[in-house]
Amino acid sequence: MDEMIRGTAAGVPFLARPPEHPTAATPLLVGWHLMDPPRSEAAMAAALPMADVPAWRVYLRLPEYGEQREVTRRAAEDYVLKLIDPVVSTASGEFPAALGQLRSQLETDGPLGLFGGSAGGAVVLQVLTEQDVPVVAAALVNPVAQLEPVTDGVAKWFGTPYPWCDESRAVAARLDFVARADELAKRHPELALLLVRGEKDEPEFREPLGRLATALRAELIDIPAMEHALAAEPGVAPAPQNEDARRVDEAFSDWFRHYLKPPLL
């Protein structure tokens, strides 16, 4: 982690890993971590270093996301309105300003790629659906593609049904990227999109992701024996890359090496 640059962009903490010979045309690759391990920007950087991608790799911290006990309390109180919506929608909304400052600080105008996992993957999908940000390529692992089934799955874990209301259903509709696939496709008709899912992830993640891949004609990779997380608990500090993270890192790296290239001179 010594070569990482630490900073903030429009108030968003980040870690940035530089390529060997950065120029003004070097591609910029920006992503968000999971709420499961790896659940911090430092842990995500260790899990998915994408070391052989000739681009700036930038890991943003999810907003309003702190100590795990507090996250669990908020999830139990209201998973949609107290946790997912504040985190995902805030991250998406603050991204254009953060991107502008990242480009200034890292001195690059190169093509942009996005990546993320789980809730961080939902941030990418929301940016792609709602923000006027030019994105060349994106790669997601086990993202929240439809919030409603994920919410009901979390409620089963807590042992009580989720109390849906008009406000939370409106959030679920906004974070239903299968239903909004046409919006995403119209905003980014040339996007190179990779979707990766674990063979042993929960069906509320796997099944919507399959539908999203079909709707967007995206590349879909199933990783055998992989569950939802990409690292062991507690998943906050950087840790050695495990086999699941290695396979995702390899898939992401291959994708971005192919699709995220500096413009020809």
Protein backbone atom coordinates (compact mmCIF):
# COMPACT_ATOMS: atom_id res chain seq x y z
CA MET A 1 0.00 0.00 0.00
CA ASP A 2 3.05 2.31 0.20
CA GLU A 3 2.72 3.51 -3.40
CA MET A 4 -0.89 4.57 -2.87
CA ILE A 5 -1.81 8.24 -2.92
CA ARG A 6 -4.25 9.24 -0.18
CA GLY A 7 -6.46 12.27 -0.55
CA THR A 8 -9.94 13.71 -0.82
CA ALA A 9 -11.83 14.84 -3.90
CA ALA A 10 -14.84 17.11 -3.33
CA GLY A 11 -14.83 15.82 0.26
CA VAL A 12 -14.69 12.13 -0.75
CA PRO A 13 -11.74 10.18 0.73
CA PHE A 14 -9.85 8.12 -1.82
CA LEU A 15 -6.81 5.95 -2.40
CA ALA A 16 -5.17 6.13 -5.82
CA ARG A 17 -2.67 3.68 -7.28
CA PRO A 18 -0.64 5.22 -10.14
CA PRO A 19 0.48 3.44 -13.30
CA GLU A 20 4.19 3.20 -14.09
CA HIS A 21 4.37 6.18 -16.42
CA PRO A 22 1.31 8.42 -16.02
CA THR A 23 0.57 11.05 -18.64
CA ALA A 24 -2.29 13.44 -19.31
CA ALA A 25 -3.90 10.72 -21.45
CA THR A 26 -3.65 7.92 -18.87
CA PRO A 27 -7.04 6.22 -18.33
CA LEU A 28 -8.79 6.77 -15.01
CA LEU A 29 -10.40 3.80 -13.27
CA VAL A 30 -12.64 4.65 -10.29
CA GLY A 31 -14.59 2.32 -8.02
CA TRP A 32 -16.43 1.73 -4.74
CA HIS A 33 -16.07 -1.04 -2.17
CA LEU A 34 -18.68 -3.48 -0.84
CA MET A 35 -20.59 -3.33 2.44
CA ASP A 36 -19.40 -6.89 2.97
CA PRO A 37 -15.65 -7.54 2.99
CA PRO A 38 -13.77 -5.75 1.53
CA ARG A 39 -15.74 -2.94 3.17
CA SER A 40 -13.27 -0.04 2.96
CA GLU A 41 -11.34 1.65 0.19
CA ALA A 42 -8.06 0.27 1.57
CA ALA A 43 -9.38 -3.28 1.74
CA MET A 44 -10.83 -2.97 -1.77
CA ALA A 45 -7.48 -1.75 -3.10
CA ALA A 46 -5.81 -4.82 -1.61
CA ALA A 47 -8.46 -7.21 -2.93
CA LEU A 48 -8.63 -5.78 -6.46
CA PRO A 49 -5.33 -4.04 -7.21
CA MET A 50 -5.61 -4.56 -11.01
CA ALA A 51 -1.84 -4.18 -10.98
CA ASP A 52 -1.30 -4.79 -14.68
CA VAL A 53 -3.94 -2.32 -15.90
CA PRO A 54 -2.11 0.75 -17.30
CA ALA A 55 -4.45 3.23 -15.64
CA TRP A 56 -4.90 5.21 -12.45
CA ARG A 57 -6.87 2.93 -10.10
CA VAL A 58 -8.85 5.02 -7.62
CA TYR A 59 -10.81 3.58 -4.68
CA LEU A 60 -13.49 5.85 -3.21
CA ARG A 61 -14.97 5.53 0.27
CA LEU A 62 -18.71 4.97 0.45
CA PRO A 63 -20.34 7.94 2.23
CA GLU A 64 -22.11 7.66 5.57
CA TYR A 65 -20.54 4.25 6.05
CA GLY A 66 -18.62 3.69 9.24
CA GLU A 67 -18.23 1.22 12.11
CA GLN A 68 -19.84 -2.13 11.37
CA ARG A 69 -21.95 -2.25 14.51
CA GLU A 70 -23.56 1.06 13.54
CA VAL A 71 -24.12 -0.17 9.98
CA THR A 72 -25.88 -3.27 11.31
CA ARG A 73 -28.04 -1.12 13.60
CA ARG A 74 -29.12 1.09 10.71
CA ALA A 75 -29.84 -1.93 8.54
CA ALA A 76 -32.05 -3.41 11.24
CA GLU A 77 -33.86 -0.11 11.79
CA ASP A 78 -34.59 0.51 8.09
CA TYR A 79 -32.37 -1.14 5.51
CA VAL A 80 -33.60 1.01 2.60
CA LEU A 81 -34.14 4.45 4.12
CA LYS A 82 -31.46 4.44 6.82
CA LEU A 83 -28.67 2.59 5.02
CA ILE A 84 -28.82 1.79 1.31
CA ASP A 85 -30.39 4.98 -0.02
CA PRO A 86 -28.19 7.38 2.01
CA VAL A 87 -25.06 5.47 1.00
CA VAL A 88 -25.72 4.67 -2.65
CA SER A 89 -27.58 7.79 -3.73
CA THR A 90 -25.16 10.10 -1.91
CA ALA A 91 -22.16 8.39 -3.54
CA SER A 92 -23.75 8.67 -6.97
CA GLY A 93 -24.72 12.31 -6.47
CA GLU A 94 -21.28 13.39 -5.28
CA PHE A 95 -19.39 11.59 -8.02
CA PRO A 96 -19.33 14.23 -10.80
CA ALA A 97 -17.71 16.81 -8.51
CA ALA A 98 -15.30 14.21 -7.12
CA LEU A 99 -14.40 13.12 -10.64
CA GLY A 100 -13.54 16.68 -11.64
CA GLN A 101 -11.19 17.06 -8.69
CA LEU A 102 -9.64 13.63 -9.27
CA ARG A 103 -8.80 14.57 -12.83
CA SER A 104 -7.25 17.81 -11.62
CA GLN A 105 -5.25 16.22 -8.80
CA LEU A 106 -4.04 13.25 -10.85
CA GLU A 107 -3.51 15.39 -13.95
CA THR A 108 -5.30 13.10 -16.38
CA ASP A 109 -7.97 13.61 -19.02
CA GLY A 110 -7.87 9.98 -20.12
CA PRO A 111 -10.91 7.75 -20.69
CA LEU A 112 -12.96 6.76 -17.65
CA GLY A 113 -13.80 3.31 -16.35
CA LEU A 114 -15.89 2.43 -13.30
CA PHE A 115 -15.94 -0.64 -11.03
CA GLY A 116 -17.64 -1.74 -7.83
CA GLY A 117 -19.04 -4.57 -5.78
CA SER A 118 -22.38 -5.10 -4.03
CA ALA A 119 -23.55 -1.66 -2.82
CA GLY A 120 -20.55 -0.15 -4.59
CA GLY A 121 -21.79 -1.83 -7.74
CA ALA A 122 -25.18 -0.18 -7.22
CA VAL A 123 -23.38 3.17 -7.08
CA VAL A 124 -21.84 2.46 -10.48
CA LEU A 125 -25.21 1.47 -11.92
CA GLN A 126 -26.84 4.62 -10.56
CA VAL A 127 -24.07 6.82 -11.97
CA LEU A 128 -24.43 5.11 -15.35
CA THR A 129 -28.22 5.52 -15.29
CA GLU A 130 -28.50 9.08 -13.97
CA GLN A 131 -25.26 11.03 -14.35
CA ASP A 132 -23.97 12.75 -17.49
CA VAL A 133 -20.49 11.32 -17.10
CA PRO A 134 -18.74 9.79 -20.14
CA VAL A 135 -17.79 6.21 -19.24
CA VAL A 136 -16.02 3.87 -21.65
CA ALA A 137 -16.07 0.63 -19.65
CA ALA A 138 -17.39 -0.73 -16.35
CA ALA A 139 -17.00 -3.96 -14.38
CA LEU A 140 -19.16 -5.01 -11.42
CA VAL A 141 -19.07 -7.96 -9.05
CA ASN A 142 -22.17 -9.16 -7.19
CA PRO A 143 -23.85 -5.73 -7.46
CA VAL A 144 -27.27 -4.80 -6.14
CA ALA A 145 -29.09 -4.80 -9.48
CA GLN A 146 -32.59 -4.77 -7.94
CA LEU A 147 -33.01 -3.44 -4.42
CA GLU A 148 -36.37 -4.97 -3.53
CA PRO A 149 -35.34 -8.67 -3.49
CA VAL A 150 -32.10 -7.81 -1.69
CA THR A 151 -34.05 -5.92 0.96
CA ASP A 152 -36.45 -8.81 1.49
CA GLY A 153 -33.48 -11.18 1.74
CA VAL A 154 -31.84 -9.02 4.41
CA ALA A 155 -35.16 -8.89 6.30
CA LYS A 156 -35.22 -12.69 6.45
CA TRP A 157 -31.74 -12.59 7.97
CA PHE A 158 -33.03 -10.20 10.67
CA GLY A 159 -36.09 -12.42 11.17
CA THR A 160 -38.83 -9.85 10.45
CA PRO A 161 -40.41 -8.72 7.15
CA TYR A 162 -39.26 -5.37 5.82
CA PRO A 163 -42.00 -2.71 6.40
CA TRP A 164 -42.36 -1.37 2.85
CA CYS A 165 -43.90 2.11 2.53
CA ASP A 166 -44.37 4.56 -0.32
CA GLU A 167 -41.02 6.22 0.35
CA SER A 168 -39.02 3.01 0.44
CA ARG A 169 -40.82 1.64 -2.63
CA ALA A 170 -39.85 4.81 -4.50
CA VAL A 171 -36.21 4.19 -3.55
CA ALA A 172 -36.49 0.56 -4.66
CA ALA A 173 -37.90 1.69 -8.00
CA ARG A 174 -35.02 4.10 -8.46
CA LEU A 175 -32.52 1.34 -7.61
CA ASP A 176 -34.17 -1.22 -9.91
CA PHE A 177 -31.60 -1.21 -12.67
CA VAL A 178 -33.24 -4.09 -14.51
CA ALA A 179 -36.38 -1.98 -14.95
CA ARG A 180 -34.20 1.03 -15.84
CA ALA A 181 -31.92 -0.82 -18.23
CA ASP A 182 -33.21 1.12 -21.23
CA GLU A 183 -32.29 4.41 -19.53
CA LEU A 184 -28.75 3.19 -18.90
CA ALA A 185 -28.40 1.90 -22.45
CA LYS A 186 -29.61 5.17 -23.99
CA ARG A 187 -27.20 7.21 -21.87
CA HIS A 188 -24.25 4.91 -22.62
CA PRO A 189 -24.94 3.10 -25.91
CA GLU A 190 -21.27 2.17 -26.46
CA LEU A 191 -20.49 1.09 -22.89
CA ALA A 192 -18.41 -2.07 -22.46
CA LEU A 193 -20.04 -3.65 -19.38
CA LEU A 194 -18.79 -6.71 -17.49
CA LEU A 195 -20.95 -8.34 -14.81
CA VAL A 196 -19.38 -10.93 -12.48
CA ARG A 197 -21.34 -13.03 -10.01
CA GLY A 198 -20.45 -15.72 -7.53
CA GLU A 199 -21.91 -19.15 -8.17
CA LYS A 200 -22.78 -19.40 -4.45
CA ASP A 201 -24.02 -15.84 -3.97
CA GLU A 202 -27.60 -15.40 -2.78
CA PRO A 203 -30.33 -15.62 -5.45
CA GLU A 204 -31.52 -12.07 -4.71
CA PHE A 205 -28.18 -10.91 -6.16
CA ARG A 206 -27.58 -13.58 -8.79
CA GLU A 207 -30.97 -13.66 -10.50
CA PRO A 208 -31.43 -9.90 -11.07
CA LEU A 209 -27.87 -9.71 -12.33
CA GLY A 210 -28.65 -12.34 -14.93
CA ARG A 211 -31.69 -10.34 -16.04
CA LEU A 212 -29.62 -7.17 -16.20
CA ALA A 213 -26.99 -8.88 -18.35
CA THR A 214 -29.68 -9.98 -20.77
CA ALA A 215 -31.32 -6.56 -20.88
CA LEU A 216 -28.04 -4.75 -21.54
CA ARG A 217 -26.37 -7.51 -23.59
CA ALA A 218 -23.51 -7.32 -21.13
CA GLU A 219 -20.77 -9.87 -20.63
CA LEU A 220 -21.66 -12.15 -17.69
CA ILE A 221 -19.12 -14.30 -15.87
CA ASP A 222 -20.00 -16.85 -13.18
CA ILE A 223 -17.17 -17.68 -10.78
CA PRO A 224 -17.47 -21.22 -9.36
CA ALA A 225 -17.77 -21.63 -5.59
CA MET A 226 -17.63 -17.87 -4.95
CA GLU A 227 -20.03 -16.31 -2.44
CA HIS A 228 -20.85 -12.62 -2.01
CA ALA A 229 -17.81 -11.27 -0.17
CA LEU A 230 -14.33 -11.05 -1.66
CA ALA A 231 -12.38 -11.07 1.61
CA ALA A 232 -12.57 -12.49 5.13
CA GLU A 233 -14.11 -10.66 8.08
CA PRO A 234 -13.73 -8.03 9.37
CA GLY A 235 -12.73 -6.79 5.92
CA VAL A 236 -11.74 -3.23 6.85
CA ALA A 237 -7.93 -3.37 6.82
CA PRO A 238 -5.95 -4.43 3.75
CA ALA A 239 -5.48 -8.19 3.64
CA PRO A 240 -3.72 -10.67 1.36
CA GLN A 241 -5.74 -11.37 -1.77
CA ASN A 242 -7.77 -14.60 -1.46
CA GLU A 243 -8.67 -16.89 -4.36
CA ASP A 244 -12.08 -15.30 -5.00
CA ALA A 245 -10.62 -11.81 -5.13
CA ARG A 246 -7.81 -13.06 -7.36
CA ARG A 247 -10.29 -14.41 -9.90
CA VAL A 248 -12.35 -11.22 -9.87
CA ASP A 249 -9.19 -9.15 -10.12
CA GLU A 250 -8.13 -11.18 -13.14
CA ALA A 251 -11.52 -10.76 -14.85
CA PHE A 252 -11.62 -7.01 -14.18
CA SER A 253 -8.01 -6.57 -15.30
CA ASP A 254 -8.56 -8.42 -18.57
CA TRP A 255 -11.67 -6.32 -19.23
CA PHE A 256 -10.10 -2.95 -18.58
CA ARG A 257 -6.87 -3.77 -20.42
CA HIS A 258 -8.99 -4.53 -23.47
CA TYR A 259 -11.56 -1.72 -23.30
CA LEU A 260 -9.97 1.11 -21.32
CA LYS A 261 -7.13 2.44 -23.43
CA PRO A 262 -5.68 5.90 -23.96
CA PRO A 263 -6.82 7.55 -27.21
CA LEU A 264 -4.70 6.99 -30.29
CA LEU A 265 -2.49 9.96 -31.12
